[in-house]
C-alpha cells in the first residue's frame, strides 16, 4: 500500500501542465496576468474617477 502511494505521488509530481512545458512557466503567466489586471483596473479607476 505504501509503495503504491509513493509511486502515484511521484507520477503526479512529474506530470506536465496542459499548456506550457513547465509548471513554473504556467504559474509565471498566471502571476503576470494578475499583475496586468491590477494595473489595468488601477488605471481605469484613475481615468474614470
N, C-alpha and C. Protein backbone atom coordinates (compact mmCIF):
# COMPACT_ATOMS: atom_id res chain seq x y z
N UNK A 1 0.84 -1.19 0.00
CA UNK A 1 0.00 0.00 0.00
C UNK A 1 0.88 1.25 0.00
N UNK A 2 1.89 1.29 0.83
CA UNK A 2 2.77 2.45 0.91
C UNK A 2 3.55 2.65 -0.40
N UNK A 3 4.01 1.55 -0.98
CA UNK A 3 4.77 1.66 -2.24
C UNK A 3 3.89 2.22 -3.35
N UNK A 4 2.65 1.78 -3.41
CA UNK A 4 1.73 2.26 -4.42
C UNK A 4 1.48 3.76 -4.26
N UNK A 5 1.35 4.21 -3.03
CA UNK A 5 1.14 5.64 -2.77
C UNK A 5 2.34 6.45 -3.22
N UNK A 6 3.54 5.97 -2.95
CA UNK A 6 4.76 6.69 -3.33
C UNK A 6 4.90 6.75 -4.85
N UNK A 7 4.55 5.70 -5.54
CA UNK A 7 4.61 5.69 -7.00
C UNK A 7 3.62 6.71 -7.55
N UNK A 8 2.40 6.72 -7.04
CA UNK A 8 1.39 7.67 -7.52
C UNK A 8 1.81 9.10 -7.22
N UNK A 9 2.39 9.33 -6.06
CA UNK A 9 2.85 10.68 -5.70
C UNK A 9 3.95 11.12 -6.64
N UNK A 10 4.86 10.21 -6.99
CA UNK A 10 5.94 10.53 -7.91
C UNK A 10 5.39 10.85 -9.30
N UNK A 11 4.44 10.10 -9.78
CA UNK A 11 3.85 10.34 -11.09
C UNK A 11 3.14 11.68 -11.14
N UNK A 12 2.47 12.05 -10.07
CA UNK A 12 1.77 13.33 -10.02
C UNK A 12 2.75 14.49 -10.04
N UNK A 13 3.85 14.38 -9.31
CA UNK A 13 4.82 15.47 -9.25
C UNK A 13 5.55 15.64 -10.58
N UNK A 14 5.65 14.62 -11.40
CA UNK A 14 6.34 14.71 -12.68
C UNK A 14 5.39 15.05 -13.83
N UNK A 15 4.13 15.19 -13.55
CA UNK A 15 3.15 15.46 -14.59
C UNK A 15 3.36 16.85 -15.17
N UNK A 16 3.24 16.96 -16.48
CA UNK A 16 3.42 18.25 -17.13
C UNK A 16 2.10 19.02 -17.16
N UNK A 17 2.18 20.35 -17.18
CA UNK A 17 0.96 21.15 -17.25
C UNK A 17 0.32 21.04 -18.64
N UNK A 18 -0.95 21.34 -18.75
CA UNK A 18 -1.64 21.16 -20.03
C UNK A 18 -1.26 22.18 -21.10
N UNK A 19 -0.72 23.34 -20.72
CA UNK A 19 -0.49 24.39 -21.71
C UNK A 19 1.00 24.57 -22.01
N UNK A 20 1.79 24.90 -21.04
CA UNK A 20 3.21 25.17 -21.24
C UNK A 20 4.04 23.95 -20.87
N UNK A 21 5.35 24.08 -21.01
CA UNK A 21 6.20 22.91 -20.77
C UNK A 21 6.51 22.66 -19.30
N UNK A 22 6.45 23.71 -18.46
CA UNK A 22 6.72 23.51 -17.03
C UNK A 22 5.67 24.24 -16.19
N UNK A 23 5.54 23.78 -14.96
CA UNK A 23 4.60 24.43 -14.04
C UNK A 23 5.07 25.83 -13.69
N UNK A 24 6.38 26.02 -13.62
CA UNK A 24 6.92 27.34 -13.30
C UNK A 24 6.49 28.37 -14.35
N UNK A 25 6.54 28.00 -15.62
CA UNK A 25 6.11 28.90 -16.69
C UNK A 25 4.62 29.19 -16.59
N UNK A 26 3.84 28.18 -16.30
CA UNK A 26 2.40 28.37 -16.19
C UNK A 26 2.06 29.31 -15.03
N UNK A 27 2.69 29.10 -13.88
CA UNK A 27 2.44 29.98 -12.74
C UNK A 27 2.95 31.39 -12.99
N UNK A 28 4.02 31.52 -13.75
CA UNK A 28 4.52 32.86 -14.10
C UNK A 28 3.51 33.61 -14.97
N UNK A 29 2.92 32.92 -15.92
CA UNK A 29 1.90 33.54 -16.78
C UNK A 29 0.69 33.95 -15.94
N UNK A 30 0.26 33.10 -15.05
CA UNK A 30 -0.88 33.42 -14.19
C UNK A 30 -0.56 34.64 -13.32
N UNK A 31 0.62 34.67 -12.74
CA UNK A 31 1.03 35.80 -11.91
C UNK A 31 1.11 37.10 -12.72
N UNK A 32 1.70 37.03 -13.90
CA UNK A 32 1.80 38.23 -14.75
C UNK A 32 0.42 38.71 -15.19
N UNK A 33 -0.47 37.79 -15.43
CA UNK A 33 -1.84 38.15 -15.77
C UNK A 33 -2.50 38.90 -14.61
N UNK A 34 -2.29 38.43 -13.41
CA UNK A 34 -2.83 39.10 -12.23
C UNK A 34 -2.27 40.51 -12.09
N UNK A 35 -0.97 40.66 -12.25
CA UNK A 35 -0.33 41.98 -12.16
C UNK A 35 -0.90 42.90 -13.24
N UNK A 36 -1.03 42.40 -14.43
CA UNK A 36 -1.60 43.19 -15.53
C UNK A 36 -3.01 43.68 -15.20
N UNK A 37 -3.84 42.79 -14.69
CA UNK A 37 -5.22 43.17 -14.36
C UNK A 37 -5.27 44.20 -13.24
N UNK A 38 -4.42 44.06 -12.25
CA UNK A 38 -4.38 45.03 -11.17
C UNK A 38 -4.00 46.40 -11.70
N UNK A 39 -2.99 46.45 -12.54
CA UNK A 39 -2.57 47.73 -13.13
C UNK A 39 -3.68 48.29 -14.02
N UNK A 40 -4.30 47.47 -14.82
CA UNK A 40 -5.38 47.91 -15.69
C UNK A 40 -6.55 48.49 -14.89
N UNK A 41 -6.97 47.83 -13.84
CA UNK A 41 -8.07 48.33 -13.03
C UNK A 41 -7.68 49.61 -12.29
N UNK A 42 -6.43 49.71 -11.90
CA UNK A 42 -5.96 50.94 -11.27
C UNK A 42 -6.05 52.10 -12.25
N UNK A 43 -5.59 51.88 -13.47
CA UNK A 43 -5.64 52.93 -14.49
C UNK A 43 -7.09 53.32 -14.79
N UNK A 44 -7.97 52.34 -14.93
CA UNK A 44 -9.39 52.64 -15.15
C UNK A 44 -9.97 53.46 -14.01
N UNK A 45 -9.61 53.13 -12.80
CA UNK A 45 -10.10 53.85 -11.65
C UNK A 45 -9.64 55.30 -11.68
N UNK A 46 -8.40 55.54 -12.02
CA UNK A 46 -7.87 56.91 -12.09
C UNK A 46 -8.50 57.68 -13.23
N UNK A 47 -8.69 57.05 -14.36
CA UNK A 47 -9.25 57.75 -15.51
C UNK A 47 -10.73 58.11 -15.30
N UNK A 48 -11.51 57.21 -14.76
CA UNK A 48 -12.96 57.40 -14.67
C UNK A 48 -13.43 57.90 -13.31
N UNK A 49 -12.54 58.35 -12.47
CA UNK A 49 -12.97 58.86 -11.17
C UNK A 49 -13.08 60.36 -11.18
